[in-house]
Amino acid sequence: MDFISIKNNQRIKFAEIPVLAYADFFNVVTNQLMEKPEAHCVSYFGIPAENNVQLLCCIADDASASINVLSSVVSKTDTLQSITAKYMSFHLFEREIHENFGINFDGHPWLKPVRYPYNAADKSQTMVNYPFYQIDSEELHEVGVGPIHAGIIEPGHFRFICNGEQILHLEIQLGYQHRGLETLMIEKKKLLQRATLAENITGDTTVGHSVAFANAWESLCGFTADKQLQMERAFAIENERIAIHTGDLSGICTDIAYQLGNSVFGRLRTPVINYFQRWAGNRFAKGLIRPGKTNFPFTNDLAAQWKEMISAYKPHFVEMAEQTFDLPSVLSRIERTGIVSPAVAHQIGMVGMAARASNIVRDIRASHPFGHYANIDYKPVLEPVGDVYCRARIRYDEILRSIDMMNDILSTMPYDHKPATTLDKAEPNSFVVSLVEGWRGEICHCAITGPDGDLTHYKVKDPSFHNWLGLALAVRNNEISDFPICNKSFDLSYSGHDL
């Protein structure tokens, strides 16, 4: 058997994952699994295996709702044939493996560091001597932005090569605050500590990452959340989606100097995000999602409060959105700006909202549904062009779709929780892949347990990991003044990338 096919959050024994010679591993990935247009890599990483490294690759098949998993044990001194040479979507996965273990990949375009962790294989490679791409020309100039962010958020460096105002190339370098989060998930032994780490992977996706961790841990423990808990988690995910999408529309309006849109969308975001304060005591839903239970059960009163809030929100939101997308001065700035074509989006492996704006059907709620999403027939929203307009417009359409879904949830919510279950220890020697469609896109958590049932390896992938290259390509041949709206139209995470 070349690979094992599993479902989202299906626990298997780690020993069931086939181990192939690398030549066979490479052949199966490139000539068999990735050949399907519905296939994409959700995670590819290495784990120490005595003096060697075991590579694990998880390829999702969206047509069959399966995840195909295979592995290969290689030496740290090996030079391996690069999968990136055939499938560009693997470029960061292989760069990370190279950085962590020193393994070289023949045919990779540029094996540069990704995050500069403290335990990197080659500690001589530092942020100070990062090899930015350069073009020698008297007519061209470079513009460096960061790493100190103008908005005082996470650090990141953007290096533009320009011909006058025209951007020829953008390179994005992150990794300034590598937090060692995956290592902490192993070192911290209390479930509450791990749940707290998960909800702080990236602050704007507290619910998405918390649900991914909760689903993974519950699967490892053989626990199935009751209907009420599943519906509450879906409700929270969609509320987070509405809040962030609304705020992003405000940010896009800011970057094109449309003050009315900025003010109205910004005002409308506030009651949505504040709803979490009513529910769980925190505006970003920290503390809301916990494996095996909830500390804040949903009630009829909370349902009534949400309906009141969204009834006030929706008409103002629709009016402002329709005016925004009909205003010539807005359209002149966002139409045909920052295009990522469907072909390029597929080639580089984009996910989530940004992929769907480039007409790529990629949405975990539809392709690999779990929990409440497995009980509905969700149809992803698509846009055809992949420009700033499409990435803005898809937010509008998804917000309306989320409101409808949440109303449906409230109409069938049973308000009947089972007692909380203690989930301190998982099944030993097990493996699980947990996928969640956060507001930004596909979140993937992979967990491995050892002989005592405790975690031995935990791998996190935020959707930003796939999509930063999309932003770099989107700005090519645009004026440098278009960078802010291109950047906000993706709204990628620094902290989610800088694990």
Protein backbone atom coordinates (compact mmCIF):
# COMPACT_ATOMS: atom_id res chain seq x y z
CA MET A 1 0.00 0.00 0.00
CA ASP A 2 1.47 3.37 -1.05
CA PHE A 3 -0.75 5.59 1.13
CA ILE A 4 -3.62 5.42 3.58
CA SER A 5 -6.84 7.35 2.96
CA ILE A 6 -8.51 8.90 5.98
CA LYS A 7 -11.27 11.40 6.66
CA ASN A 8 -11.08 14.76 8.40
CA ASN A 9 -10.52 14.09 12.13
CA GLN A 10 -10.33 10.30 11.68
CA ARG A 11 -7.90 8.79 14.19
CA ILE A 12 -5.58 6.06 12.97
CA LYS A 13 -2.59 4.27 14.41
CA PHE A 14 0.60 6.06 13.43
CA ALA A 15 2.10 2.72 12.37
CA GLU A 16 -0.64 2.40 9.72
CA ILE A 17 0.91 5.23 7.69
CA PRO A 18 2.91 3.57 4.87
CA VAL A 19 6.66 4.23 4.86
CA LEU A 20 8.15 4.33 1.36
CA ALA A 21 11.61 4.78 -0.05
CA TYR A 22 11.92 8.42 -1.05
CA ALA A 23 11.98 7.66 -4.77
CA ASP A 24 8.66 5.84 -4.42
CA PHE A 25 7.31 8.55 -2.09
CA PHE A 26 8.18 11.21 -4.67
CA ASN A 27 6.59 9.22 -7.48
CA VAL A 28 3.32 8.60 -5.59
CA VAL A 29 2.97 12.27 -4.61
CA THR A 30 3.86 13.79 -7.97
CA ASN A 31 2.55 11.23 -10.46
CA GLN A 32 -0.44 9.83 -8.62
CA LEU A 33 -1.92 11.93 -5.81
CA MET A 34 -1.24 15.45 -7.07
CA GLU A 35 -2.23 14.68 -10.64
CA LYS A 36 -5.89 15.14 -9.76
CA PRO A 37 -7.11 18.75 -10.13
CA GLU A 38 -9.07 18.39 -6.87
CA ALA A 39 -5.90 17.49 -4.92
CA HIS A 40 -3.77 19.79 -2.81
CA CYS A 41 -1.24 19.41 -0.01
CA VAL A 42 -2.68 20.32 3.39
CA SER A 43 0.50 19.53 5.32
CA TYR A 44 4.02 18.24 4.65
CA PHE A 45 6.53 18.15 7.48
CA GLY A 46 9.29 16.14 9.12
CA ILE A 47 9.64 14.56 12.54
CA PRO A 48 12.84 13.24 14.13
CA ALA A 49 13.21 9.46 13.74
CA GLU A 50 16.29 8.44 15.75
CA ASN A 51 19.16 9.78 13.61
CA ASN A 52 16.96 10.25 10.58
CA VAL A 53 13.86 12.25 9.62
CA GLN A 54 10.43 10.84 8.83
CA LEU A 55 8.68 12.96 6.22
CA LEU A 56 4.88 12.96 6.42
CA CYS A 57 2.77 14.21 3.53
CA CYS A 58 -1.00 14.76 3.67
CA ILE A 59 -2.71 15.29 0.30
CA ALA A 60 -6.39 16.21 0.39
CA ASP A 61 -8.65 14.91 -2.36
CA ASP A 62 -11.56 17.34 -2.39
CA ALA A 63 -13.62 15.18 -4.73
CA SER A 64 -13.70 12.17 -2.39
CA ALA A 65 -13.48 14.07 0.93
CA SER A 66 -10.39 12.00 1.78
CA ILE A 67 -6.90 12.84 2.98
CA ASN A 68 -4.16 10.59 1.61
CA VAL A 69 -1.23 10.17 4.00
CA LEU A 70 2.18 8.63 3.30
CA SER A 71 5.69 8.95 4.66
CA SER A 72 9.37 8.34 3.99
CA VAL A 73 12.36 8.00 6.30
CA VAL A 74 15.40 9.89 5.02
CA SER A 75 18.81 10.94 6.28
CA LYS A 76 19.53 14.54 7.22
CA THR A 77 22.49 14.44 4.85
CA ASP A 78 20.38 13.31 1.88
CA THR A 79 19.78 15.45 -1.18
CA LEU A 80 16.25 14.67 -2.30
CA GLN A 81 14.46 15.33 -5.56
CA SER A 82 12.30 18.42 -5.09
CA ILE A 83 8.54 18.12 -5.41
CA THR A 84 8.44 21.91 -5.78
CA ALA A 85 10.11 21.61 -9.19
CA LYS A 86 6.84 20.08 -10.43
CA TYR A 87 4.30 21.54 -7.97
CA MET A 88 5.07 25.07 -6.82
CA SER A 89 2.61 24.71 -3.94
CA PHE A 90 5.25 22.65 -2.07
CA HIS A 91 7.90 25.38 -2.04
CA LEU A 92 7.40 26.55 1.57
CA PHE A 93 6.92 23.03 2.92
CA GLU A 94 10.30 21.98 1.52
CA ARG A 95 11.96 25.21 2.66
CA GLU A 96 10.72 24.55 6.20
CA ILE A 97 11.97 20.95 6.16
CA HIS A 98 15.35 22.21 4.90
CA GLU A 99 15.50 24.85 7.63
CA ASN A 100 14.53 22.45 10.41
CA PHE A 101 16.68 19.46 9.44
CA GLY A 102 19.24 20.55 6.85
CA ILE A 103 17.84 18.27 4.15
CA ASN A 104 18.56 19.56 0.64
CA PHE A 105 16.08 19.38 -2.24
CA ASP A 106 17.56 19.20 -5.72
CA GLY A 107 15.59 21.34 -8.16
CA HIS A 108 14.02 23.63 -5.56
CA PRO A 109 14.21 27.23 -6.86
CA TRP A 110 15.62 28.70 -3.63
CA LEU A 111 15.99 26.92 -0.29
CA LYS A 112 15.87 30.02 1.88
CA PRO A 113 14.88 30.02 5.56
CA VAL A 114 11.23 30.44 6.50
CA ARG A 115 11.14 31.29 10.21
CA TYR A 116 14.64 31.30 11.73
CA PRO A 117 13.74 29.13 14.74
CA TYR A 118 16.20 28.83 17.60
CA ASN A 119 16.77 25.16 16.75
CA ALA A 120 17.36 25.61 13.01
CA ALA A 121 19.73 23.13 11.42
CA ASP A 122 22.04 25.90 10.15
CA LYS A 123 22.34 28.62 12.77
CA SER A 124 24.65 30.68 10.56
CA GLN A 125 21.62 31.68 8.49
CA THR A 126 20.22 34.69 10.29
CA MET A 127 17.71 37.42 9.52
CA VAL A 128 20.60 39.88 9.08
CA ASN A 129 22.03 38.02 6.09
CA TYR A 130 18.74 37.00 4.48
CA PRO A 131 19.34 36.67 0.72
CA PHE A 132 16.71 38.90 -0.88
CA TYR A 133 16.18 38.52 -4.61
CA GLN A 134 17.94 41.31 -6.53
CA ILE A 135 17.95 42.72 -10.06
CA ASP A 136 20.98 44.74 -11.15
CA SER A 137 19.96 47.78 -13.17
CA GLU A 138 20.54 51.52 -13.13
CA GLU A 139 16.87 52.06 -13.96
CA LEU A 140 15.45 50.05 -11.07
CA HIS A 141 15.28 50.83 -7.38
CA GLU A 142 14.38 48.93 -4.21
CA VAL A 143 11.87 49.98 -1.59
CA GLY A 144 12.03 48.36 1.83
CA VAL A 145 9.00 48.44 4.12
CA GLY A 146 9.26 47.13 7.67
CA PRO A 147 9.93 45.06 9.66
CA ILE A 148 8.40 47.61 12.04
CA HIS A 149 4.80 47.81 10.88
CA ALA A 150 3.14 51.17 10.39
CA GLY A 151 0.10 49.85 12.25
CA ILE A 152 2.21 48.53 15.17
CA ILE A 153 1.23 44.93 14.56
CA GLU A 154 3.40 41.86 13.97
CA PRO A 155 6.74 42.50 12.20
CA GLY A 156 7.33 41.66 8.56
CA HIS A 157 9.63 42.99 5.86
CA PHE A 158 8.45 43.77 2.32
CA ARG A 159 11.17 44.34 -0.30
CA PHE A 160 9.94 45.86 -3.58
CA ILE A 161 11.90 46.11 -6.81
CA CYS A 162 10.36 48.91 -8.84
CA ASN A 163 10.71 50.64 -12.19
CA GLY A 164 9.47 54.07 -11.25
CA GLU A 165 6.10 53.44 -9.62
CA GLN A 166 5.65 49.99 -11.20
CA ILE A 167 6.34 46.94 -9.01
CA LEU A 168 8.39 44.29 -10.81
CA HIS A 169 8.92 42.02 -7.81
CA LEU A 170 7.93 41.80 -4.16
CA GLU A 171 9.58 39.53 -1.63
CA ILE A 172 7.94 39.08 1.76
CA GLN A 173 10.15 38.02 4.67
CA LEU A 174 8.50 37.02 7.95
CA GLY A 175 9.73 34.99 10.92
CA TYR A 176 10.93 37.84 13.12
CA GLN A 177 9.19 36.51 16.25
CA HIS A 178 9.32 32.74 15.93
CA ARG A 179 7.43 31.71 19.06
CA GLY A 180 8.10 27.98 19.15
CA LEU A 181 4.38 27.35 19.50
CA GLU A 182 4.48 23.79 18.17
CA THR A 183 7.19 22.92 20.69
CA LEU A 184 5.15 24.48 23.48
CA MET A 185 2.18 22.28 22.52
CA ILE A 186 4.37 19.29 23.43
CA GLU A 187 6.05 20.79 26.50
CA LYS A 188 2.83 21.96 28.14
CA LYS A 189 1.06 18.95 29.60
CA LYS A 190 -2.27 20.38 30.78
CA LEU A 191 -5.14 20.40 28.32
CA LEU A 192 -6.09 23.94 29.34
CA GLN A 193 -2.57 25.14 28.54
CA ARG A 194 -2.72 23.58 25.08
CA ALA A 195 -6.19 24.97 24.39
CA THR A 196 -4.94 28.41 25.40
CA LEU A 197 -1.98 28.09 23.04
CA ALA A 198 -4.29 27.08 20.19
CA GLU A 199 -6.57 30.09 20.63
CA ASN A 200 -3.52 32.38 20.52
CA ILE A 201 -2.02 31.06 17.28
CA THR A 202 -3.40 34.15 15.58
CA GLY A 203 -5.65 36.61 17.36
CA ASP A 204 -8.09 37.18 14.51
CA THR A 205 -8.85 33.46 14.19
CA THR A 206 -9.31 32.47 17.83
CA VAL A 207 -12.36 30.33 17.07
CA GLY A 208 -10.98 28.69 13.92
CA HIS A 209 -7.74 27.46 15.49
CA SER A 210 -9.43 26.57 18.79
CA VAL A 211 -11.97 24.38 16.99
CA ALA A 212 -9.20 22.70 14.99
CA PHE A 213 -7.39 21.80 18.20
CA ALA A 214 -10.57 20.71 19.99
CA ASN A 215 -11.57 18.47 17.07
CA ALA A 216 -8.11 16.94 16.85
CA TRP A 217 -7.85 16.23 20.58
CA GLU A 218 -11.38 14.86 20.84
CA SER A 219 -10.70 12.54 17.90
CA LEU A 220 -7.52 11.30 19.55
CA CYS A 221 -9.57 10.59 22.69
CA GLY A 222 -12.43 8.86 20.87
CA PHE A 223 -14.88 11.58 21.95
CA THR A 224 -17.75 12.76 19.74
CA ALA A 225 -19.16 16.20 20.48
CA ASP A 226 -22.94 16.29 20.91
CA LYS A 227 -25.19 18.08 18.44
CA GLN A 228 -25.46 21.19 20.59
CA LEU A 229 -21.69 21.54 20.92
CA GLN A 230 -21.15 21.03 17.19
CA MET A 231 -23.74 23.67 16.34
CA GLU A 232 -22.29 26.15 18.82
CA ARG A 233 -18.84 25.77 17.31
CA ALA A 234 -20.14 26.29 13.76
CA PHE A 235 -22.11 29.31 15.00
CA ALA A 236 -18.95 30.77 16.54
CA ILE A 237 -16.87 30.14 13.41
CA GLU A 238 -19.42 31.94 11.23
CA ASN A 239 -19.76 34.86 13.65
CA GLU A 240 -15.98 35.26 13.57
CA ARG A 241 -16.14 35.18 9.75
CA ILE A 242 -18.77 37.95 9.65
CA ALA A 243 -16.82 40.15 12.06
CA ILE A 244 -13.46 39.90 10.30
CA HIS A 245 -14.89 40.17 6.78
CA THR A 246 -16.74 43.34 7.82
CA GLY A 247 -13.60 44.82 9.33
CA ASP A 248 -11.64 43.98 6.18
CA LEU A 249 -14.15 45.79 4.01
CA SER A 250 -13.59 48.80 6.26
CA GLY A 251 -9.83 48.45 5.80
CA ILE A 252 -10.09 48.22 2.02
CA CYS A 253 -12.17 51.40 2.02
CA THR A 254 -9.50 53.07 4.16
CA ASP A 255 -6.78 52.23 1.66
CA ILE A 256 -8.69 53.80 -1.24
CA ALA A 257 -9.65 56.89 0.83
CA TYR A 258 -13.36 56.05 0.84
CA GLN A 259 -14.10 57.43 4.28
CA LEU A 260 -17.83 56.65 4.36
CA GLY A 261 -17.24 52.94 3.74
CA ASN A 262 -14.42 52.89 6.25
CA SER A 263 -16.61 54.45 8.94
CA VAL A 264 -19.78 52.44 8.34
CA PHE A 265 -18.12 49.01 7.94
CA GLY A 266 -15.91 49.76 10.95
CA ARG A 267 -18.94 50.64 13.03
CA LEU A 268 -20.80 47.51 11.89
CA ARG A 269 -17.92 45.21 12.85
CA THR A 270 -18.09 46.32 16.47
CA PRO A 271 -21.44 44.78 17.53
CA VAL A 272 -20.58 41.49 15.79
CA ILE A 273 -17.25 41.08 17.52
CA ASN A 274 -18.73 42.38 20.77
CA TYR A 275 -21.32 39.59 20.64
CA PHE A 276 -18.58 37.22 21.78
CA GLN A 277 -18.20 39.43 24.86
CA ARG A 278 -21.83 38.73 25.72
CA TRP A 279 -21.43 35.03 25.08
CA ALA A 280 -18.05 34.22 26.61
CA GLY A 281 -16.75 37.39 28.25
CA ASN A 282 -14.12 38.11 25.59
CA ARG A 283 -14.53 40.06 22.34
CA PHE A 284 -12.32 37.63 20.43
CA ALA A 285 -13.98 34.50 21.89
CA LYS A 286 -11.02 33.44 23.99
CA GLY A 287 -12.13 30.83 26.48
CA LEU A 288 -15.19 29.87 24.43
CA ILE A 289 -13.92 26.67 22.74
CA ARG A 290 -12.70 23.84 24.96
CA PRO A 291 -12.22 20.13 24.14
CA GLY A 292 -14.99 17.90 25.47
CA LYS A 293 -17.18 20.70 26.78
CA THR A 294 -18.12 24.35 26.82
CA ASN A 295 -17.91 26.71 29.75
CA PHE A 296 -20.45 29.01 28.09
CA PRO A 297 -23.50 27.03 26.90
CA PHE A 298 -25.63 28.75 24.29
CA THR A 299 -29.06 29.82 25.53
CA ASN A 300 -32.37 31.12 24.22
CA ASP A 301 -31.44 34.52 25.59
CA LEU A 302 -28.15 34.52 23.64
CA ALA A 303 -30.06 33.52 20.51
CA ALA A 304 -32.45 36.43 20.98
CA GLN A 305 -29.55 38.84 21.50
CA TRP A 306 -27.83 37.67 18.33
CA LYS A 307 -31.02 38.02 16.27
CA GLU A 308 -31.51 41.52 17.59
CA MET A 309 -27.91 42.42 16.81
CA ILE A 310 -27.89 40.96 13.29
CA SER A 311 -31.30 42.46 12.46
CA ALA A 312 -29.81 45.90 13.12
CA TYR A 313 -26.57 45.03 11.31
CA LYS A 314 -27.84 43.50 8.06
CA PRO A 315 -29.80 46.34 6.40
CA HIS A 316 -27.04 48.87 7.05
CA PHE A 317 -24.41 46.40 5.85
CA VAL A 318 -26.25 45.58 2.63
CA GLU A 319 -26.92 49.26 1.88
CA MET A 320 -23.26 50.19 2.45
CA ALA A 321 -21.92 47.24 0.47
CA GLU A 322 -24.19 47.87 -2.52
CA GLN A 323 -23.22 51.53 -2.55
CA THR A 324 -19.53 50.64 -2.31
CA PHE A 325 -19.62 48.17 -5.19
CA ASP A 326 -21.59 50.61 -7.35
CA LEU A 327 -19.42 53.67 -6.82
CA PRO A 328 -17.22 54.49 -9.87
CA SER A 329 -14.43 55.99 -7.77
CA VAL A 330 -14.24 52.76 -5.73
CA LEU A 331 -14.41 50.46 -8.74
CA SER A 332 -11.67 52.39 -10.53
CA ARG A 333 -9.31 51.50 -7.66
CA ILE A 334 -10.23 47.86 -7.07
CA GLU A 335 -11.26 46.40 -10.42
CA ARG A 336 -8.37 44.73 -12.28
CA THR A 337 -6.02 45.63 -9.42
CA GLY A 338 -3.90 42.91 -7.82
CA ILE A 339 -4.95 40.03 -10.07
CA VAL A 340 -4.07 36.44 -9.23
CA SER A 341 -5.43 34.41 -12.12
CA PRO A 342 -7.14 31.06 -11.50
CA ALA A 343 -4.22 29.26 -13.15
CA VAL A 344 -1.64 30.94 -10.91
CA ALA A 345 -3.78 30.49 -7.78
CA HIS A 346 -4.01 26.76 -8.49
CA GLN A 347 -0.30 26.47 -9.27
CA ILE A 348 0.84 28.05 -6.00
CA GLY A 349 -1.79 26.24 -3.92
CA MET A 350 -3.84 29.15 -2.62
CA VAL A 351 -6.63 28.32 -0.19
CA GLY A 352 -9.70 29.83 1.38
CA MET A 353 -11.40 33.09 0.52
CA ALA A 354 -8.51 34.31 -1.67
CA ALA A 355 -8.57 31.09 -3.70
CA ARG A 356 -12.33 31.25 -4.16
CA ALA A 357 -11.95 34.84 -5.39
CA SER A 358 -9.77 33.33 -8.14
CA ASN A 359 -12.47 30.78 -9.03
CA ILE A 360 -10.80 27.91 -7.16
CA VAL A 361 -13.38 25.67 -5.46
CA ARG A 362 -11.61 25.17 -2.15
CA ASP A 363 -13.67 25.28 1.03
CA ILE A 364 -13.38 22.73 3.84
CA ARG A 365 -17.03 23.31 4.78
CA ALA A 366 -17.98 21.71 1.45
CA SER A 367 -15.08 19.37 0.63
CA HIS A 368 -14.14 17.90 4.04
CA PRO A 369 -17.04 18.83 6.35
CA PHE A 370 -16.94 17.88 10.01
CA GLY A 371 -19.27 18.47 12.94
CA HIS A 372 -22.33 20.51 12.06
CA TYR A 373 -21.01 21.21 8.56
CA ALA A 374 -21.40 17.51 7.74
CA ASN A 375 -25.17 17.97 8.12
CA ILE A 376 -25.55 20.78 5.57
CA ASP A 377 -24.96 21.04 1.84
CA TYR A 378 -22.72 24.08 1.73
CA LYS A 379 -22.02 25.62 -1.70
CA PRO A 380 -18.85 27.75 -1.83
CA VAL A 381 -19.08 31.32 -3.09
CA LEU A 382 -16.83 31.94 -6.11
CA GLU A 383 -15.61 34.99 -8.04
CA PRO A 384 -14.00 34.73 -11.49
CA VAL A 385 -11.09 37.16 -11.80
CA GLY A 386 -8.98 37.14 -8.64
CA ASP A 387 -8.56 40.91 -8.27
CA VAL A 388 -9.14 43.19 -5.27
CA TYR A 389 -12.76 43.63 -6.34
CA CYS A 390 -13.36 39.85 -6.23
CA ARG A 391 -11.62 39.49 -2.86
CA ALA A 392 -13.80 42.31 -1.50
CA ARG A 393 -17.00 41.13 -3.14
CA ILE A 394 -16.61 37.57 -1.86
CA ARG A 395 -16.59 38.92 1.69
CA TYR A 396 -19.98 40.54 1.08
CA ASP A 397 -21.48 37.34 -0.34
CA GLU A 398 -19.99 35.11 2.37
CA ILE A 399 -21.32 37.36 5.14
CA LEU A 400 -24.86 36.99 3.81
CA ARG A 401 -24.35 33.23 3.46
CA SER A 402 -23.08 33.01 7.05
CA ILE A 403 -26.08 34.95 8.38
CA ASP A 404 -28.43 32.50 6.66
CA MET A 405 -26.50 29.52 8.05
CA MET A 406 -26.55 30.94 11.58
CA ASN A 407 -30.29 31.57 11.41
CA ASP A 408 -30.75 27.94 10.34
CA ILE A 409 -28.64 26.81 13.29
CA LEU A 410 -30.75 28.80 15.73
CA SER A 411 -33.94 27.33 14.29
CA THR A 412 -32.80 23.76 15.10
CA MET A 413 -30.57 24.28 18.16
CA PRO A 414 -31.54 21.61 20.73
CA TYR A 415 -30.25 23.48 23.83
CA ASP A 416 -29.37 20.13 25.35
CA HIS A 417 -25.74 19.60 26.34
CA LYS A 418 -24.31 16.33 27.53
CA PRO A 419 -22.21 16.56 30.71
CA ALA A 420 -18.59 17.65 30.23
CA THR A 421 -16.11 14.86 29.57
CA THR A 422 -12.58 14.77 30.97
CA LEU A 423 -10.11 14.27 28.10
CA ASP A 424 -6.71 14.29 29.75
CA LYS A 425 -5.17 11.39 27.81
CA ALA A 426 -5.50 10.41 24.19
CA GLU A 427 -5.16 7.04 22.52
CA PRO A 428 -1.50 5.99 22.30
CA ASN A 429 0.55 5.86 19.09
CA SER A 430 -2.12 7.65 17.07
CA PHE A 431 -2.36 10.21 14.30
CA VAL A 432 -5.07 12.66 13.22
CA VAL A 433 -5.48 15.47 10.70
CA SER A 434 -7.95 18.22 11.66
CA LEU A 435 -9.18 20.65 8.97
CA VAL A 436 -11.34 23.72 9.62
CA GLU A 437 -12.44 26.46 7.21
CA GLY A 438 -11.61 29.60 9.15
CA TRP A 439 -12.58 33.01 7.78
CA ARG A 440 -9.20 33.29 6.01
CA GLY A 441 -9.23 29.71 4.74
CA GLU A 442 -8.02 26.21 5.43
CA ILE A 443 -6.60 25.59 8.90
CA CYS A 444 -4.76 22.29 9.39
CA HIS A 445 -3.62 20.74 12.69
CA CYS A 446 -1.78 17.39 12.67
CA ALA A 447 -1.30 15.57 15.98
CA ILE A 448 0.75 12.49 16.87
CA THR A 449 0.70 10.68 20.22
CA GLY A 450 3.31 8.37 21.74
CA PRO A 451 3.10 5.14 23.76
CA ASP A 452 1.69 6.94 26.84
CA GLY A 453 -1.03 8.73 24.89
CA ASP A 454 0.59 12.14 25.21
CA LEU A 455 1.46 14.38 22.27
CA THR A 456 4.85 13.74 20.69
CA HIS A 457 4.41 16.02 17.69
CA TYR A 458 1.97 18.80 16.82
CA LYS A 459 2.00 20.57 13.46
CA VAL A 460 0.00 23.74 12.74
CA LYS A 461 -0.67 25.33 9.36
CA ASP A 462 -2.49 28.63 9.06
CA PRO A 463 -3.97 29.44 5.63
CA SER A 464 -1.56 32.38 5.38
CA PHE A 465 1.22 29.83 4.86
CA HIS A 466 -0.25 29.13 1.42
CA ASN A 467 -1.31 32.64 0.48
CA TRP A 468 1.59 35.04 1.18
CA LEU A 469 3.09 34.16 -2.20
CA GLY A 470 -0.26 35.02 -3.76
CA LEU A 471 0.04 38.55 -2.39
CA ALA A 472 3.60 38.86 -3.74
CA LEU A 473 2.42 37.86 -7.22
CA ALA A 474 -0.74 39.96 -7.06
CA VAL A 475 1.17 43.25 -6.88
CA ARG A 476 3.40 42.62 -9.90
CA ASN A 477 2.92 45.23 -12.62
CA ASN A 478 0.77 47.31 -10.27
CA GLU A 479 1.83 50.68 -8.94
CA ILE A 480 3.40 50.64 -5.50
CA SER A 481 0.52 52.82 -4.27
CA ASP A 482 -1.75 49.81 -4.91
CA PHE A 483 0.11 47.64 -2.41
CA PRO A 484 -1.99 48.63 0.65
CA ILE A 485 -5.30 47.62 -0.94
CA CYS A 486 -3.80 44.42 -2.34
CA ASN A 487 -2.42 43.61 1.10
CA LYS A 488 -5.71 44.31 2.88
CA SER A 489 -7.68 42.34 0.28
CA PHE A 490 -5.73 39.24 1.38
CA ASP A 491 -5.39 40.26 5.06
CA LEU A 492 -2.89 37.54 5.88
CA SER A 493 -1.53 36.67 9.30
CA TYR A 494 2.00 37.35 10.47
CA SER A 495 1.61 35.45 13.73
CA GLY A 496 -0.18 32.53 12.08
CA HIS A 497 2.80 32.15 9.76
CA ASP A 498 5.44 32.83 12.43
CA LEU A 499 4.73 29.85 14.66
